[in-house]
Amino acid sequence: MWNKPYTLKEGTAIVAGLLVTGGLLQVTLGPLEWGLFAWPANFITLILFVFLLIVAFLLRKRSYFCLFMSTMQAAIPAIAAAAILTLIMGVTKQVAEGKRPMDPLGLTKMLSFWPFILVYVWMTAIVGEVTINQIVRFSWRRFPTLVSHVGLFLILTCGTLGSADMLRVKMYCETGQPEWRGLDAFNNVHQLPVAIQLEKFTIDEYPPKLMLIDKTGRPLPLDKPENLLVDNGMKSGQLLDCKIDILKRIDNAVPVMLSKMIGKMPEGMMGNIRMDSLGQARNKDGYIASDASGSACALLVRVTRGVNANGSSDSNLIKGQKQVVTGWITSGSYLFPYQALRLKDGRMLAMPNREPRRFASLVNIYTQSGQNIQTEIEVNKPFTIEGWKIYQLSYNEQMGKWSNLSVFELVTDPWLPVVYIGIFMLLIGAVGMFLTASRKKEVEP
């Protein structure tokens, strides 16, 4: 080895040396803190890196190692190692930014894993050397390849160095109160150039579900729980060995006992009223429709054991006499607890909390530049303004559809446009190389 010309053996040895060096750095220094490369350190690092690549290119005639950097024998092992480490990152659960790795090696925080970083730096240096070589020896025939290499270099450098300037914060907004402060992963407070005022929170829920639970609250059957979806207009259905008839449905309801209590309370005290399990047990009059905050879906049901969905007897469902139980069930809310219907065999028919299908927030957004925009932000549909992406992240799940709180995630990445340019150039170059290859085939006899 190490006799000119270098082959894949030398290229592989260099990569192996980088992996070993990275492992030693990982043990001694711990994961790399990308926060050290925040602006302007990342820009200075990029300029210095490009300068070193130019110096290496100028030393090609004096140093064989500098010449070797732009060869396939150096590129193939580097690409293979980078691909393997990227694959490991893809199949390994990665921890969030600001947290320590979950494994002793640091594979669960791959972007800060020293072997991963050194391999990618080496691969980026190879791409940079090839790019400089193509620029110096410019040819229109190789222009698509040059565009691809420039794009790849921008992605590798700006995508990593720029991550130090990316800011991701959570903002907790209450109805009617503008908020401009956000919390990062370390719970540090950031005053942002964007303020959000929540006007209204809306949520669309899936239809309520009914399930049978045992005395400990576990859904039945234990191995594969079943449930009954109660769509609008549904009158009856079958759940395991029980025929369930929907006698009455109130989508927004409160216990009658609670409504009487609220009616007698002064207006200033109504917001503090909550019904406990004892009050729910004493609620004998059922539920009444109400648009008050905290209302929830309530069903008056009749449960018949020993018959099928058509009402005919079925000895396979249960042996012995039919059993009929009638009562109210509800999932409850922050205002009052849930209520289940107990059957004579000890099981209970319950309604779990309704699952959200879509939730969104109507907001007013203010910026330091004087913009005032009213818009709706929902899950997976972020709103972009002045370099910030605003995501609907969560809400007060205890209050459910009556939540007066929305949690937004605001993300800014100043280097992202450069990365997008790199991706665009990479795609354009790939298309150009494909068209160039097609022309060559047509010209060949």
Foldseek 3Di string as FASTA:
>chain_A
DPDPPDALVVLLVVLVVQLVVLQVCCVPVNFDDLLVLAPPNLVVVVVVLLVVLVVLLVCVVVDVVSVCLQDPSNQVNLVVVLVVLVVLQVVAQADDPPDAAPDPQRSNPSLRRRSNVSSLSSNLSNLSNNLVVCVVVPDPLCVLVNLQSVLVNLQSSLVNSLVSHKFKFKDKEFAPDKDQWTQGPVRDIDRHQKIKHFHAKAFDFFAWKKFKAFLVGQTPPNVDHDIDGDDPPDAWADDQQKIKGFPDKAAFKDQPVVVVVLVPDDPVCNVVAAAEPVNVVVRPPGIDHDPDQFTGMKTWMKIKGQAHNVRDGDVVRDDDDIFIDIDMFTQGARRYHTDWTAGPVRMTMYIHDTGTPWMKTFMWMAGPVGDTDTDIAIAPRWDDDPQKTKHFDDFPVRSPRSTRMTMIMIIGRVSVVSSVSSVVSSVSSVVVVVVSVVVVVVPDD
